[in-house]
Amino acid sequence: MAYENIIFELADGVATITFNRPKALNALNGQLLDDLSAALDQIEADENIRVLVLTGAGEKSFVAGADITELATFNTLQGKLFSRKGQLIIGRLQELAIPVIAAVNGFALGGGSEMALACDFIYASENAMFGLPEITLGIIPGFGGTQRLPRLIGSNRAKEMIFTGKLIPAAEAEKIGMVNRVFPQASLIEETMKTARAIATKGKVSLRAAKQAINSGLNVDLATGCRIEVDAFAICMASEDGKEGTRAFIEKRKPAFKGTLKG
């Protein structure tokens, strides 16, 4: 399927979505969000895709935020609809059954940071910059930033970033736990794909179970989270890949995971 504002690629079980509006620093507009949603439909329908990587075209920007020229025209209702649309589509990254990695190669501002925060973890290039600068425009983050950032780095640090609108470099983002690892610009995609391909060799049922258990457990008390883990563990044990993995260990060979989300 051809897309106007993204590039979709697939190799070795890893799908890559590249945001492709380089003249606008890959800023989010309604059409790009529609393209992203359609690509996520395509990914959900393909059992062979085990990992998704998100990145931006060019060396300057991952996603430089929402398209301000479009935002400036919104009334209250249009603003509400745009915010909700962005939340629903970006939220699908968190809800995907497969792991999602953000490879941030430059500016990840506003909606760009919010996009990255909805991924399972973030790798960044040394020139990456993160921030939620909406306050400088007289507005606030609208694609989940006020909710996901505090959960990741703590409320005090998140408030400082959101109240001031300041930008932070990749090294600082790594220090506060927003970013997992930082790489030179030239090796970011190579290193990201190395991790993605390693994850793609794992069982799909267990990857889904691990992601769902972690995400669901973050919103409940420890005892409830452990019960979620018990159920997820039991599903893995009953799956084709669970049986293959344990057999391979006993037989002292490398497992060949071929299971699907159905078993």
C-alpha atoms as a PDB file:
ATOM      1  CA  MET A   1       0.000   0.000   0.000  1.00  0.00           C
ATOM      2  CA  ALA A   2       1.283   3.465  -0.931  1.00  0.00           C
ATOM      3  CA  TYR A   3       1.275   6.262   1.631  1.00  0.00           C
ATOM      4  CA  GLU A   4       1.643  10.005   1.134  1.00  0.00           C
ATOM      5  CA  ASN A   5       3.373  11.026   4.357  1.00  0.00           C
ATOM      6  CA  ILE A   6       5.127   7.883   5.590  1.00  0.00           C
ATOM      7  CA  ILE A   7       7.404   5.199   4.158  1.00  0.00           C
ATOM      8  CA  PHE A   8       6.510   1.627   5.104  1.00  0.00           C
ATOM      9  CA  GLU A   9       9.129  -1.126   4.875  1.00  0.00           C
ATOM     10  CA  LEU A  10       9.270  -4.745   6.022  1.00  0.00           C
ATOM     11  CA  ALA A  11      12.257  -7.086   6.391  1.00  0.00           C
ATOM     12  CA  ASP A  12      13.100 -10.019   8.672  1.00  0.00           C
ATOM     13  CA  GLY A  13       9.862  -9.682  10.606  1.00  0.00           C
ATOM     14  CA  VAL A  14      10.572  -6.013  11.421  1.00  0.00           C
ATOM     15  CA  ALA A  15       8.313  -3.286  10.020  1.00  0.00           C
ATOM     16  CA  THR A  16       9.692   0.244   9.756  1.00  0.00           C
ATOM     17  CA  ILE A  17       7.537   3.350   9.504  1.00  0.00           C
ATOM     18  CA  THR A  18       9.456   6.472   8.495  1.00  0.00           C
ATOM     19  CA  PHE A  19       7.650   9.786   8.900  1.00  0.00           C
ATOM     20  CA  ASN A  20       8.233  11.524   5.594  1.00  0.00           C
ATOM     21  CA  ARG A  21       7.448  15.231   5.535  1.00  0.00           C
ATOM     22  CA  PRO A  22      11.069  16.442   5.587  1.00  0.00           C
ATOM     23  CA  LYS A  23      10.275  19.971   4.383  1.00  0.00           C
ATOM     24  CA  ALA A  24       8.041  20.358   7.456  1.00  0.00           C
ATOM     25  CA  LEU A  25      10.495  18.465   9.721  1.00  0.00           C
ATOM     26  CA  ASN A  26       7.989  15.587   9.645  1.00  0.00           C
ATOM     27  CA  ALA A  27       5.394  17.618  11.563  1.00  0.00           C
ATOM     28  CA  LEU A  28       2.129  15.836  12.306  1.00  0.00           C
ATOM     29  CA  ASN A  29      -0.934  16.821  10.347  1.00  0.00           C
ATOM     30  CA  GLY A  30      -4.254  15.076   9.845  1.00  0.00           C
ATOM     31  CA  GLN A  31      -3.104  13.223   6.732  1.00  0.00           C
ATOM     32  CA  LEU A  32       0.048  11.862   8.358  1.00  0.00           C
ATOM     33  CA  LEU A  33      -2.034  10.584  11.274  1.00  0.00           C
ATOM     34  CA  ASP A  34      -4.412   8.924   8.804  1.00  0.00           C
ATOM     35  CA  ASP A  35      -1.454   7.290   7.030  1.00  0.00           C
ATOM     36  CA  LEU A  36      -0.079   6.060  10.358  1.00  0.00           C
ATOM     37  CA  SER A  37      -3.444   4.598  11.319  1.00  0.00           C
ATOM     38  CA  ALA A  38      -3.710   2.761   7.991  1.00  0.00           C
ATOM     39  CA  ALA A  39      -0.178   1.395   8.372  1.00  0.00           C
ATOM     40  CA  LEU A  40      -1.027   0.123  11.852  1.00  0.00           C
ATOM     41  CA  ASP A  41      -4.050  -1.650  10.351  1.00  0.00           C
ATOM     42  CA  GLN A  42      -1.676  -3.290   7.869  1.00  0.00           C
ATOM     43  CA  ILE A  43       0.672  -4.364  10.670  1.00  0.00           C
ATOM     44  CA  GLU A  44      -2.118  -5.806  12.809  1.00  0.00           C
ATOM     45  CA  ALA A  45      -3.314  -7.885   9.855  1.00  0.00           C
ATOM     46  CA  ASP A  46       0.126  -9.424   9.192  1.00  0.00           C
ATOM     47  CA  GLU A  47       1.108 -12.233  11.581  1.00  0.00           C
ATOM     48  CA  ASN A  48       4.644 -12.221  10.161  1.00  0.00           C
ATOM     49  CA  ILE A  49       5.426  -8.784  11.620  1.00  0.00           C
ATOM     50  CA  ARG A  50       6.956  -9.151  15.076  1.00  0.00           C
ATOM     51  CA  VAL A  51       8.467  -5.716  15.791  1.00  0.00           C
ATOM     52  CA  LEU A  52       7.745  -2.148  14.651  1.00  0.00           C
ATOM     53  CA  VAL A  53      10.373   0.609  14.415  1.00  0.00           C
ATOM     54  CA  LEU A  54       9.406   4.282  14.037  1.00  0.00           C
ATOM     55  CA  THR A  55      11.817   6.927  12.743  1.00  0.00           C
ATOM     56  CA  GLY A  56      11.878  10.153  10.764  1.00  0.00           C
ATOM     57  CA  ALA A  57      13.126  11.000   7.281  1.00  0.00           C
ATOM     58  CA  GLY A  58      16.344  13.009   7.134  1.00  0.00           C
ATOM     59  CA  GLU A  59      18.828  13.775   9.891  1.00  0.00           C
ATOM     60  CA  LYS A  60      17.133  16.784  11.477  1.00  0.00           C
ATOM     61  CA  SER A  61      13.856  15.504  12.815  1.00  0.00           C
ATOM     62  CA  PHE A  62      11.925  12.496  14.105  1.00  0.00           C
ATOM     63  CA  VAL A  63       8.686  14.480  14.377  1.00  0.00           C
ATOM     64  CA  ALA A  64       8.868  18.215  15.084  1.00  0.00           C
ATOM     65  CA  GLY A  65       5.397  18.318  16.656  1.00  0.00           C
ATOM     66  CA  ALA A  66       1.969  19.081  15.292  1.00  0.00           C
ATOM     67  CA  ASP A  67       1.663  21.232  12.182  1.00  0.00           C
ATOM     68  CA  ILE A  68       1.202  24.716  13.701  1.00  0.00           C
ATOM     69  CA  THR A  69      -0.258  26.128  10.489  1.00  0.00           C
ATOM     70  CA  GLU A  70      -3.069  23.602  10.844  1.00  0.00           C
ATOM     71  CA  LEU A  71      -3.475  24.112  14.604  1.00  0.00           C
ATOM     72  CA  ALA A  72      -3.813  27.871  14.215  1.00  0.00           C
ATOM     73  CA  THR A  73      -7.079  27.452  12.305  1.00  0.00           C
ATOM     74  CA  PHE A  74      -8.878  25.324  14.932  1.00  0.00           C
ATOM     75  CA  ASN A  75     -11.815  26.392  17.037  1.00  0.00           C
ATOM     76  CA  THR A  76     -12.663  24.636  20.326  1.00  0.00           C
ATOM     77  CA  LEU A  77     -14.470  21.703  18.749  1.00  0.00           C
ATOM     78  CA  GLN A  78     -11.850  21.218  16.042  1.00  0.00           C
ATOM     79  CA  GLY A  79      -9.116  21.290  18.679  1.00  0.00           C
ATOM     80  CA  LYS A  80     -10.922  18.682  20.735  1.00  0.00           C
ATOM     81  CA  LEU A  81     -11.430  16.408  17.748  1.00  0.00           C
ATOM     82  CA  PHE A  82      -7.786  16.768  16.646  1.00  0.00           C
ATOM     83  CA  SER A  83      -6.484  16.024  20.148  1.00  0.00           C
ATOM     84  CA  ARG A  84      -8.716  12.984  20.476  1.00  0.00           C
ATOM     85  CA  LYS A  85      -7.758  11.739  17.008  1.00  0.00           C
ATOM     86  CA  GLY A  86      -4.081  12.024  17.858  1.00  0.00           C
ATOM     87  CA  GLN A  87      -4.543  10.296  21.204  1.00  0.00           C
ATOM     88  CA  LEU A  88      -6.433   7.389  19.666  1.00  0.00           C
ATOM     89  CA  ILE A  89      -3.969   6.823  16.822  1.00  0.00           C
ATOM     90  CA  ILE A  90      -0.797   7.313  18.866  1.00  0.00           C
ATOM     91  CA  GLY A  91      -2.326   5.198  21.632  1.00  0.00           C
ATOM     92  CA  ARG A  92      -2.507   2.307  19.194  1.00  0.00           C
ATOM     93  CA  LEU A  93       1.287   2.042  19.391  1.00  0.00           C
ATOM     94  CA  GLN A  94       0.974   1.203  23.071  1.00  0.00           C
ATOM     95  CA  GLU A  95      -1.854  -1.241  22.383  1.00  0.00           C
ATOM     96  CA  LEU A  96      -0.137  -3.096  19.520  1.00  0.00           C
ATOM     97  CA  ALA A  97       0.494  -6.748  20.307  1.00  0.00           C
ATOM     98  CA  ILE A  98       4.092  -6.404  19.102  1.00  0.00           C
ATOM     99  CA  PRO A  99       6.969  -4.362  20.571  1.00  0.00           C
ATOM    100  CA  VAL A 100       7.414  -0.847  19.183  1.00  0.00           C
ATOM    101  CA  ILE A 101      10.770   0.978  19.210  1.00  0.00           C
ATOM    102  CA  ALA A 102      11.210   4.693  18.531  1.00  0.00           C
ATOM    103  CA  ALA A 103      14.490   5.566  16.769  1.00  0.00           C
ATOM    104  CA  VAL A 104      14.632   9.318  17.359  1.00  0.00           C
ATOM    105  CA  ASN A 105      16.968  11.019  14.918  1.00  0.00           C
ATOM    106  CA  GLY A 106      16.718  14.734  15.678  1.00  0.00           C
ATOM    107  CA  PHE A 107      13.840  16.845  16.961  1.00  0.00           C
ATOM    108  CA  ALA A 108      11.076  15.041  18.850  1.00  0.00           C
ATOM    109  CA  LEU A 109       9.004  17.986  19.956  1.00  0.00           C
ATOM    110  CA  GLY A 110       5.409  18.142  21.141  1.00  0.00           C
ATOM    111  CA  GLY A 111       3.573  15.414  19.266  1.00  0.00           C
ATOM    112  CA  GLY A 112       6.951  13.936  18.328  1.00  0.00           C
ATOM    113  CA  SER A 113       7.852  13.328  21.971  1.00  0.00           C
ATOM    114  CA  GLU A 114       4.316  12.082  22.568  1.00  0.00           C
ATOM    115  CA  MET A 115       4.690   9.646  19.666  1.00  0.00           C
ATOM    116  CA  ALA A 116       7.979   8.346  21.078  1.00  0.00           C
ATOM    117  CA  LEU A 117       6.537   8.075  24.603  1.00  0.00           C
ATOM    118  CA  ALA A 118       3.793   5.751  23.325  1.00  0.00           C
ATOM    119  CA  CYS A 119       6.440   3.323  22.058  1.00  0.00           C
ATOM    120  CA  ASP A 120       7.789   0.564  24.275  1.00  0.00           C
ATOM    121  CA  PHE A 121      11.191   2.216  24.478  1.00  0.00           C
ATOM    122  CA  ILE A 122      13.277   4.883  22.800  1.00  0.00           C
ATOM    123  CA  TYR A 123      16.715   4.835  21.178  1.00  0.00           C
ATOM    124  CA  ALA A 124      18.095   8.251  20.197  1.00  0.00           C
ATOM    125  CA  SER A 125      20.876   9.775  18.159  1.00  0.00           C
ATOM    126  CA  GLU A 126      23.343  12.113  19.853  1.00  0.00           C
ATOM    127  CA  ASN A 127      21.734  15.102  18.124  1.00  0.00           C
ATOM    128  CA  ALA A 128      18.201  14.241  19.266  1.00  0.00           C
ATOM    129  CA  MET A 129      16.232  16.856  21.204  1.00  0.00           C
ATOM    130  CA  PHE A 130      13.108  16.147  23.240  1.00  0.00           C
ATOM    131  CA  GLY A 131      10.504  18.510  24.620  1.00  0.00           C
ATOM    132  CA  LEU A 132       6.862  19.433  25.077  1.00  0.00           C
ATOM    133  CA  PRO A 133       7.003  23.151  24.198  1.00  0.00           C
ATOM    134  CA  GLU A 134       3.249  23.650  23.750  1.00  0.00           C
ATOM    135  CA  ILE A 135       3.137  26.009  26.745  1.00  0.00           C
ATOM    136  CA  THR A 136       5.115  28.562  24.698  1.00  0.00           C
ATOM    137  CA  LEU A 137       2.169  28.651  22.272  1.00  0.00           C
ATOM    138  CA  GLY A 138      -0.380  29.147  25.029  1.00  0.00           C
ATOM    139  CA  ILE A 139      -1.603  25.561  24.849  1.00  0.00           C
ATOM    140  CA  ILE A 140      -0.673  22.201  26.427  1.00  0.00           C
ATOM    141  CA  PRO A 141       0.294  18.765  25.096  1.00  0.00           C
ATOM    142  CA  GLY A 142      -2.766  17.116  23.587  1.00  0.00           C
ATOM    143  CA  PHE A 143      -1.597  13.690  22.402  1.00  0.00           C
ATOM    144  CA  GLY A 144      -1.035  12.078  25.808  1.00  0.00           C
ATOM    145  CA  GLY A 145       2.094  13.940  26.912  1.00  0.00           C
ATOM    146  CA  THR A 146       0.694  15.124  30.244  1.00  0.00           C
ATOM    147  CA  GLN A 147      -0.110  11.498  31.105  1.00  0.00           C
ATOM    148  CA  ARG A 148       2.731   9.382  29.694  1.00  0.00           C
ATOM    149  CA  LEU A 149       5.686  11.627  30.553  1.00  0.00           C
ATOM    150  CA  PRO A 150       4.983  11.734  34.337  1.00  0.00           C
ATOM    151  CA  ARG A 151       4.534   7.973  34.359  1.00  0.00           C
ATOM    152  CA  LEU A 152       7.941   7.531  32.736  1.00  0.00           C
ATOM    153  CA  ILE A 153      10.170  10.140  34.434  1.00  0.00           C
ATOM    154  CA  GLY A 154       8.133  11.146  37.499  1.00  0.00           C
ATOM    155  CA  SER A 155       5.692  14.006  38.002  1.00  0.00           C
ATOM    156  CA  ASN A 156       8.189  16.648  39.187  1.00  0.00           C
ATOM    157  CA  ARG A 157      10.511  16.329  36.194  1.00  0.00           C
ATOM    158  CA  ALA A 158       7.530  16.117  33.828  1.00  0.00           C
ATOM    159  CA  LYS A 159       5.994  19.275  35.311  1.00  0.00           C
ATOM    160  CA  GLU A 160       9.274  21.140  34.890  1.00  0.00           C
ATOM    161  CA  MET A 161       9.479  20.161  31.223  1.00  0.00           C
ATOM    162  CA  ILE A 162       5.822  20.905  30.498  1.00  0.00           C
ATOM    163  CA  PHE A 163       5.590  24.158  32.525  1.00  0.00           C
ATOM    164  CA  THR A 164       8.763  25.623  30.999  1.00  0.00           C
ATOM    165  CA  GLY A 165       8.525  24.107  27.537  1.00  0.00           C
ATOM    166  CA  LYS A 166      12.293  23.530  27.661  1.00  0.00           C
ATOM    167  CA  LEU A 167      14.040  21.152  25.301  1.00  0.00           C
ATOM    168  CA  ILE A 168      16.477  18.525  26.555  1.00  0.00           C
ATOM    169  CA  PRO A 169      19.256  16.782  24.592  1.00  0.00           C
ATOM    170  CA  ALA A 170      19.472  13.029  24.197  1.00  0.00           C
ATOM    171  CA  ALA A 171      22.124  12.646  26.906  1.00  0.00           C
ATOM    172  CA  GLU A 172      19.866  14.285  29.499  1.00  0.00           C
ATOM    173  CA  ALA A 173      16.858  12.306  28.292  1.00  0.00           C
ATOM    174  CA  GLU A 174      18.861   9.131  28.841  1.00  0.00           C
ATOM    175  CA  LYS A 175      19.939  10.291  32.303  1.00  0.00           C
ATOM    176  CA  ILE A 176      16.351  10.833  33.497  1.00  0.00           C
ATOM    177  CA  GLY A 177      15.101   7.552  32.039  1.00  0.00           C
ATOM    178  CA  MET A 178      13.174   8.918  29.063  1.00  0.00           C
ATOM    179  CA  VAL A 179      15.571   7.304  26.559  1.00  0.00           C
ATOM    180  CA  ASN A 180      17.096   3.827  26.829  1.00  0.00           C
ATOM    181  CA  ARG A 181      20.263   4.338  24.794  1.00  0.00           C
ATOM    182  CA  VAL A 182      22.014   7.059  22.774  1.00  0.00           C
ATOM    183  CA  PHE A 183      24.051   6.373  19.632  1.00  0.00           C
ATOM    184  CA  PRO A 184      25.966   8.411  17.052  1.00  0.00           C
ATOM    185  CA  GLN A 185      23.660   9.641  14.307  1.00  0.00           C
ATOM    186  CA  ALA A 186      25.270   7.361  11.712  1.00  0.00           C
ATOM    187  CA  SER A 187      24.692   4.171  13.711  1.00  0.00           C
ATOM    188  CA  LEU A 188      21.243   4.837  15.223  1.00  0.00           C
ATOM    189  CA  ILE A 189      19.219   2.827  12.723  1.00  0.00           C
ATOM    190  CA  GLU A 190      21.768   0.008  12.582  1.00  0.00           C
ATOM    191  CA  GLU A 191      21.748  -0.340  16.383  1.00  0.00           C
ATOM    192  CA  THR A 192      17.969  -0.053  16.556  1.00  0.00           C
ATOM    193  CA  MET A 193      17.514  -2.737  13.913  1.00  0.00           C
ATOM    194  CA  LYS A 194      19.986  -4.985  15.718  1.00  0.00           C
ATOM    195  CA  THR A 195      17.744  -4.898  18.792  1.00  0.00           C
ATOM    196  CA  ALA A 196      14.572  -5.180  16.703  1.00  0.00           C
ATOM    197  CA  ARG A 197      15.840  -8.263  14.868  1.00  0.00           C
ATOM    198  CA  ALA A 198      16.868  -9.870  18.167  1.00  0.00           C
ATOM    199  CA  ILE A 199      13.379  -9.311  19.567  1.00  0.00           C
ATOM    200  CA  ALA A 200      11.819 -10.628  16.354  1.00  0.00           C
ATOM    201  CA  THR A 201      13.366 -14.054  16.972  1.00  0.00           C
ATOM    202  CA  LYS A 202      11.343 -14.478  20.170  1.00  0.00           C
ATOM    203  CA  GLY A 203       7.913 -16.080  20.442  1.00  0.00           C
ATOM    204  CA  LYS A 204       5.061 -13.808  19.408  1.00  0.00           C
ATOM    205  CA  VAL A 205       2.720 -14.993  22.158  1.00  0.00           C
ATOM    206  CA  SER A 206       5.312 -14.370  24.857  1.00  0.00           C
ATOM    207  CA  LEU A 207       6.162 -10.930  23.474  1.00  0.00           C
ATOM    208  CA  ARG A 208       2.501  -9.979  23.509  1.00  0.00           C
ATOM    209  CA  ALA A 209       2.007 -11.416  26.991  1.00  0.00           C
ATOM    210  CA  ALA A 210       5.031  -9.567  28.374  1.00  0.00           C
ATOM    211  CA  LYS A 211       3.965  -6.248  26.849  1.00  0.00           C
ATOM    212  CA  GLN A 212       0.388  -6.547  28.053  1.00  0.00           C
ATOM    213  CA  ALA A 213       1.398  -7.660  31.538  1.00  0.00           C
ATOM    214  CA  ILE A 214       3.785  -4.730  31.955  1.00  0.00           C
ATOM    215  CA  ASN A 215       1.404  -2.116  30.551  1.00  0.00           C
ATOM    216  CA  SER A 216      -1.624  -3.397  32.467  1.00  0.00           C
ATOM    217  CA  GLY A 217       0.344  -3.817  35.675  1.00  0.00           C
ATOM    218  CA  LEU A 218       1.489  -0.191  35.686  1.00  0.00           C
ATOM    219  CA  ASN A 219      -2.082   0.949  36.331  1.00  0.00           C
ATOM    220  CA  VAL A 220      -2.937  -1.355  39.236  1.00  0.00           C
ATOM    221  CA  ASP A 221      -1.586  -2.329  42.652  1.00  0.00           C
ATOM    222  CA  LEU A 222       1.192  -4.925  42.959  1.00  0.00           C
ATOM    223  CA  ALA A 223      -1.087  -7.809  43.970  1.00  0.00           C
ATOM    224  CA  THR A 224      -3.400  -7.227  41.000  1.00  0.00           C
ATOM    225  CA  GLY A 225      -0.414  -6.854  38.687  1.00  0.00           C
ATOM    226  CA  CYS A 226       0.960 -10.205  39.857  1.00  0.00           C
ATOM    227  CA  ARG A 227      -2.398 -11.840  39.105  1.00  0.00           C
ATOM    228  CA  ILE A 228      -2.230 -10.362  35.593  1.00  0.00           C
ATOM    229  CA  GLU A 229       1.224 -11.904  35.280  1.00  0.00           C
ATOM    230  CA  VAL A 230      -0.048 -15.332  36.398  1.00  0.00           C
ATOM    231  CA  ASP A 231      -2.692 -15.379  33.664  1.00  0.00           C
ATOM    232  CA  ALA A 232      -0.208 -14.177  31.031  1.00  0.00           C
ATOM    233  CA  PHE A 233       2.314 -16.837  32.111  1.00  0.00           C
ATOM    234  CA  ALA A 234      -0.335 -19.568  31.850  1.00  0.00           C
ATOM    235  CA  ILE A 235      -1.254 -18.478  28.318  1.00  0.00           C
ATOM    236  CA  CYS A 236       2.407 -18.669  27.308  1.00  0.00           C
ATOM    237  CA  MET A 237       2.760 -22.168  28.753  1.00  0.00           C
ATOM    238  CA  ALA A 238      -0.192 -23.378  26.695  1.00  0.00           C
ATOM    239  CA  SER A 239       1.078 -21.797  23.468  1.00  0.00           C
ATOM    240  CA  GLU A 240       2.916 -23.552  20.633  1.00  0.00           C
ATOM    241  CA  ASP A 241       5.969 -21.371  21.246  1.00  0.00           C
ATOM    242  CA  GLY A 242       5.953 -22.063  24.966  1.00  0.00           C
ATOM    243  CA  LYS A 243       6.066 -25.777  24.287  1.00  0.00           C
ATOM    244  CA  GLU A 244       8.757 -25.346  21.624  1.00  0.00           C
ATOM    245  CA  GLY A 245      10.942 -23.199  23.888  1.00  0.00           C
ATOM    246  CA  THR A 246      10.918 -25.652  26.769  1.00  0.00           C
ATOM    247  CA  ARG A 247      11.498 -28.631  24.452  1.00  0.00           C
ATOM    248  CA  ALA A 248      14.437 -26.855  22.807  1.00  0.00           C
ATOM    249  CA  PHE A 249      16.031 -26.185  26.185  1.00  0.00           C
ATOM    250  CA  ILE A 250      15.733 -29.835  27.218  1.00  0.00           C
ATOM    251  CA  GLU A 251      17.040 -30.982  23.829  1.00  0.00           C
ATOM    252  CA  LYS A 252      19.919 -28.457  23.988  1.00  0.00           C
ATOM    253  CA  ARG A 253      19.059 -26.743  20.703  1.00  0.00           C
ATOM    254  CA  LYS A 254      17.990 -23.301  19.556  1.00  0.00           C
ATOM    255  CA  PRO A 255      14.188 -22.859  19.600  1.00  0.00           C
ATOM    256  CA  ALA A 256      12.323 -22.296  16.340  1.00  0.00           C
ATOM    257  CA  PHE A 257       9.405 -20.122  17.332  1.00  0.00           C
ATOM    258  CA  LYS A 258       6.610 -20.370  14.756  1.00  0.00           C
ATOM    259  CA  GLY A 259       3.551 -19.682  16.876  1.00  0.00           C
ATOM    260  CA  THR A 260       0.990 -17.004  16.109  1.00  0.00           C
ATOM    261  CA  LEU A 261      -1.139 -14.839  18.376  1.00  0.00           C
ATOM    262  CA  LYS A 262      -3.727 -17.591  18.146  1.00  0.00           C
ATOM    263  CA  GLY A 263      -1.470 -20.120  19.852  1.00  0.00           C
END
